[in-house]
């Protein structure tokens, strides 16, 4: 006999109830690590099939949705909360250490940029015409 409210027979399960029961059975049988393992394998498969651009696209889409729903201030709030959690866990010396590393990296990049610009300027000077108007051929690339 059908139940008037749900349209199902007494004693039968809905699809969501059956899924929940099946999920609990699998969890009890295989444990939490089983889900971690199949999730990792699934993620690797998607990465291999669709590539990095797929994750960038869905990440941007999700971020835009959250921004539209909660506003840009939401990111400020969660960033502050995360920063406070890291500070409580790792302390101020952590920020000093990563700041020094970042400063050293920036200094290295600036030096490399200056060197590349100087090399390009020297290469340009080497291509100037010789006195008398003849053009000096570029050295052969090896």
C-alpha atoms as a PDB file:
ATOM      1  CA  UNK A   1       0.000   0.000   0.000  1.00  0.00           C
ATOM      2  CA  UNK A   2       1.360   3.417  -0.883  1.00  0.00           C
ATOM      3  CA  UNK A   3       1.938   6.062   1.764  1.00  0.00           C
ATOM      4  CA  UNK A   4      -0.104   9.187   0.968  1.00  0.00           C
ATOM      5  CA  UNK A   5       2.683  11.654   1.885  1.00  0.00           C
ATOM      6  CA  UNK A   6       5.728  10.188   0.153  1.00  0.00           C
ATOM      7  CA  UNK A   7       4.320   8.021  -2.616  1.00  0.00           C
ATOM      8  CA  UNK A   8       6.371   5.027  -1.497  1.00  0.00           C
ATOM      9  CA  UNK A   9       5.417   1.713   0.021  1.00  0.00           C
ATOM     10  CA  UNK A  10       5.741   1.266   3.759  1.00  0.00           C
ATOM     11  CA  UNK A  11       9.125  -0.122   4.685  1.00  0.00           C
ATOM     12  CA  UNK A  12      10.846   0.902   1.459  1.00  0.00           C
ATOM     13  CA  UNK A  13      13.787   3.329   1.349  1.00  0.00           C
ATOM     14  CA  UNK A  14      14.278   6.425  -0.743  1.00  0.00           C
ATOM     15  CA  UNK A  15      17.312   6.647  -3.016  1.00  0.00           C
ATOM     16  CA  UNK A  16      19.027   9.067  -0.623  1.00  0.00           C
ATOM     17  CA  UNK A  17      18.371   6.770   2.352  1.00  0.00           C
ATOM     18  CA  UNK A  18      19.762   3.785   0.450  1.00  0.00           C
ATOM     19  CA  UNK A  19      22.836   5.770  -0.575  1.00  0.00           C
ATOM     20  CA  UNK A  20      23.448   6.932   2.984  1.00  0.00           C
ATOM     21  CA  UNK A  21      23.096   3.386   4.313  1.00  0.00           C
ATOM     22  CA  UNK A  22      25.445   2.035   1.649  1.00  0.00           C
ATOM     23  CA  UNK A  23      28.003   4.736   2.375  1.00  0.00           C
ATOM     24  CA  UNK A  24      27.930   3.972   6.086  1.00  0.00           C
ATOM     25  CA  UNK A  25      28.410   0.270   5.368  1.00  0.00           C
ATOM     26  CA  UNK A  26      31.451   0.972   3.179  1.00  0.00           C
ATOM     27  CA  UNK A  27      32.857   3.359   5.791  1.00  0.00           C
ATOM     28  CA  UNK A  28      32.442   0.770   8.539  1.00  0.00           C
ATOM     29  CA  UNK A  29      34.006  -1.959   6.409  1.00  0.00           C
ATOM     30  CA  UNK A  30      36.969  -0.101   4.840  1.00  0.00           C
ATOM     31  CA  UNK A  31      37.519   2.951   7.044  1.00  0.00           C
ATOM     32  CA  UNK A  32      38.306   6.604   6.394  1.00  0.00           C
ATOM     33  CA  UNK A  33      41.595   5.926   4.589  1.00  0.00           C
ATOM     34  CA  UNK A  34      39.695   4.091   1.836  1.00  0.00           C
ATOM     35  CA  UNK A  35      37.920   7.316   0.884  1.00  0.00           C
ATOM     36  CA  UNK A  36      41.211   9.242   0.971  1.00  0.00           C
ATOM     37  CA  UNK A  37      42.815   6.718  -1.379  1.00  0.00           C
ATOM     38  CA  UNK A  38      39.986   6.614  -3.928  1.00  0.00           C
ATOM     39  CA  UNK A  39      39.737  10.414  -3.825  1.00  0.00           C
ATOM     40  CA  UNK A  40      43.463  10.751  -4.535  1.00  0.00           C
ATOM     41  CA  UNK A  41      43.263   8.262  -7.422  1.00  0.00           C
ATOM     42  CA  UNK A  42      40.250  10.050  -8.865  1.00  0.00           C
ATOM     43  CA  UNK A  43      42.003  13.402  -8.617  1.00  0.00           C
ATOM     44  CA  UNK A  44      45.083  12.045 -10.391  1.00  0.00           C
ATOM     45  CA  UNK A  45      42.901  10.636 -13.172  1.00  0.00           C
ATOM     46  CA  UNK A  46      41.095  13.942 -13.689  1.00  0.00           C
ATOM     47  CA  UNK A  47      44.430  15.788 -13.674  1.00  0.00           C
ATOM     48  CA  UNK A  48      45.830  13.428 -16.315  1.00  0.00           C
ATOM     49  CA  UNK A  49      42.728  13.677 -18.502  1.00  0.00           C
ATOM     50  CA  UNK A  50      41.936  17.395 -18.238  1.00  0.00           C
ATOM     51  CA  UNK A  51      45.146  19.088 -17.128  1.00  0.00           C
ATOM     52  CA  UNK A  52      45.957  22.124 -15.036  1.00  0.00           C
ATOM     53  CA  UNK A  53      43.730  24.508 -17.019  1.00  0.00           C
ATOM     54  CA  UNK A  54      40.640  22.570 -15.891  1.00  0.00           C
ATOM     55  CA  UNK A  55      41.454  23.158 -12.227  1.00  0.00           C
ATOM     56  CA  UNK A  56      42.206  26.831 -12.899  1.00  0.00           C
ATOM     57  CA  UNK A  57      38.844  27.257 -14.648  1.00  0.00           C
ATOM     58  CA  UNK A  58      36.765  25.561 -11.951  1.00  0.00           C
ATOM     59  CA  UNK A  59      38.700  27.358  -9.210  1.00  0.00           C
ATOM     60  CA  UNK A  60      38.006  30.731 -10.804  1.00  0.00           C
ATOM     61  CA  UNK A  61      34.354  29.831 -11.336  1.00  0.00           C
ATOM     62  CA  UNK A  62      33.999  28.789  -7.703  1.00  0.00           C
ATOM     63  CA  UNK A  63      35.815  31.865  -6.451  1.00  0.00           C
ATOM     64  CA  UNK A  64      33.621  34.148  -8.540  1.00  0.00           C
ATOM     65  CA  UNK A  65      30.510  32.432  -7.163  1.00  0.00           C
ATOM     66  CA  UNK A  66      31.652  32.853  -3.558  1.00  0.00           C
ATOM     67  CA  UNK A  67      32.560  36.489  -4.221  1.00  0.00           C
ATOM     68  CA  UNK A  68      29.109  37.125  -5.697  1.00  0.00           C
ATOM     69  CA  UNK A  69      27.327  35.398  -2.808  1.00  0.00           C
ATOM     70  CA  UNK A  70      29.406  36.655   0.125  1.00  0.00           C
ATOM     71  CA  UNK A  71      31.204  39.736  -1.156  1.00  0.00           C
ATOM     72  CA  UNK A  72      34.897  40.559  -1.451  1.00  0.00           C
ATOM     73  CA  UNK A  73      35.106  41.192   2.315  1.00  0.00           C
ATOM     74  CA  UNK A  74      34.649  37.477   2.900  1.00  0.00           C
ATOM     75  CA  UNK A  75      38.126  36.775   1.540  1.00  0.00           C
ATOM     76  CA  UNK A  76      39.589  39.465   3.788  1.00  0.00           C
ATOM     77  CA  UNK A  77      37.928  37.902   6.828  1.00  0.00           C
ATOM     78  CA  UNK A  78      39.046  34.342   6.108  1.00  0.00           C
ATOM     79  CA  UNK A  79      42.552  35.546   5.231  1.00  0.00           C
ATOM     80  CA  UNK A  80      42.834  37.334   8.550  1.00  0.00           C
ATOM     81  CA  UNK A  81      41.493  34.305  10.391  1.00  0.00           C
ATOM     82  CA  UNK A  82      44.003  32.038   8.622  1.00  0.00           C
ATOM     83  CA  UNK A  83      46.871  34.423   9.305  1.00  0.00           C
ATOM     84  CA  UNK A  84      46.011  34.543  12.996  1.00  0.00           C
ATOM     85  CA  UNK A  85      45.865  30.726  13.110  1.00  0.00           C
ATOM     86  CA  UNK A  86      49.312  30.436  11.484  1.00  0.00           C
ATOM     87  CA  UNK A  87      50.728  33.055  13.843  1.00  0.00           C
ATOM     88  CA  UNK A  88      49.337  31.189  16.854  1.00  0.00           C
ATOM     89  CA  UNK A  89      50.705  27.875  15.586  1.00  0.00           C
ATOM     90  CA  UNK A  90      54.125  28.976  14.287  1.00  0.00           C
ATOM     91  CA  UNK A  91      54.821  32.300  15.967  1.00  0.00           C
ATOM     92  CA  UNK A  92      56.374  35.542  14.792  1.00  0.00           C
ATOM     93  CA  UNK A  93      59.783  34.013  13.890  1.00  0.00           C
ATOM     94  CA  UNK A  94      58.071  32.085  11.087  1.00  0.00           C
ATOM     95  CA  UNK A  95      57.075  35.345   9.382  1.00  0.00           C
ATOM     96  CA  UNK A  96      60.583  36.749   9.879  1.00  0.00           C
ATOM     97  CA  UNK A  97      62.060  33.650   8.227  1.00  0.00           C
ATOM     98  CA  UNK A  98      59.758  33.633   5.207  1.00  0.00           C
ATOM     99  CA  UNK A  99      60.169  37.404   4.842  1.00  0.00           C
ATOM    100  CA  UNK A 100      63.947  37.002   4.615  1.00  0.00           C
ATOM    101  CA  UNK A 101      63.581  34.192   2.077  1.00  0.00           C
ATOM    102  CA  UNK A 102      61.233  36.325  -0.009  1.00  0.00           C
ATOM    103  CA  UNK A 103      63.575  39.311   0.199  1.00  0.00           C
ATOM    104  CA  UNK A 104      66.540  37.223  -0.899  1.00  0.00           C
ATOM    105  CA  UNK A 105      64.553  35.825  -3.821  1.00  0.00           C
ATOM    106  CA  UNK A 106      63.457  39.297  -4.928  1.00  0.00           C
ATOM    107  CA  UNK A 107      67.052  40.543  -4.735  1.00  0.00           C
ATOM    108  CA  UNK A 108      68.200  37.600  -6.862  1.00  0.00           C
ATOM    109  CA  UNK A 109      65.504  38.243  -9.468  1.00  0.00           C
ATOM    110  CA  UNK A 110      66.404  41.937  -9.680  1.00  0.00           C
ATOM    111  CA  UNK A 111      70.089  41.104 -10.167  1.00  0.00           C
ATOM    112  CA  UNK A 112      69.231  38.567 -12.879  1.00  0.00           C
ATOM    113  CA  UNK A 113      67.029  41.141 -14.625  1.00  0.00           C
ATOM    114  CA  UNK A 114      69.757  43.788 -14.560  1.00  0.00           C
ATOM    115  CA  UNK A 115      72.287  41.300 -15.927  1.00  0.00           C
ATOM    116  CA  UNK A 116      69.929  40.277 -18.748  1.00  0.00           C
ATOM    117  CA  UNK A 117      69.304  43.931 -19.631  1.00  0.00           C
ATOM    118  CA  UNK A 118      73.052  44.651 -19.678  1.00  0.00           C
ATOM    119  CA  UNK A 119      73.694  41.598 -21.872  1.00  0.00           C
ATOM    120  CA  UNK A 120      70.970  42.719 -24.296  1.00  0.00           C
ATOM    121  CA  UNK A 121      72.437  46.235 -24.434  1.00  0.00           C
ATOM    122  CA  UNK A 122      75.915  44.834 -25.169  1.00  0.00           C
ATOM    123  CA  UNK A 123      74.486  42.598 -27.889  1.00  0.00           C
ATOM    124  CA  UNK A 124      72.771  45.630 -29.435  1.00  0.00           C
ATOM    125  CA  UNK A 125      76.035  47.599 -29.371  1.00  0.00           C
ATOM    126  CA  UNK A 126      77.802  44.736 -31.141  1.00  0.00           C
ATOM    127  CA  UNK A 127      75.352  45.045 -34.066  1.00  0.00           C
ATOM    128  CA  UNK A 128      76.084  48.695 -34.825  1.00  0.00           C
ATOM    129  CA  UNK A 129      77.531  49.457 -38.261  1.00  0.00           C
ATOM    130  CA  UNK A 130      81.308  49.767 -38.474  1.00  0.00           C
ATOM    131  CA  UNK A 131      82.890  53.064 -39.563  1.00  0.00           C
ATOM    132  CA  UNK A 132      82.520  53.476 -43.297  1.00  0.00           C
ATOM    133  CA  UNK A 133      78.980  52.107 -43.363  1.00  0.00           C
ATOM    134  CA  UNK A 134      79.640  48.385 -43.730  1.00  0.00           C
ATOM    135  CA  UNK A 135      77.556  46.156 -41.478  1.00  0.00           C
ATOM    136  CA  UNK A 136      79.397  43.764 -39.216  1.00  0.00           C
ATOM    137  CA  UNK A 137      77.894  40.263 -39.519  1.00  0.00           C
ATOM    138  CA  UNK A 138      76.467  38.724 -36.362  1.00  0.00           C
ATOM    139  CA  UNK A 139      78.539  35.950 -34.853  1.00  0.00           C
ATOM    140  CA  UNK A 140      77.376  32.475 -35.828  1.00  0.00           C
ATOM    141  CA  UNK A 141      75.275  30.760 -33.171  1.00  0.00           C
ATOM    142  CA  UNK A 142      76.756  27.510 -31.979  1.00  0.00           C
END
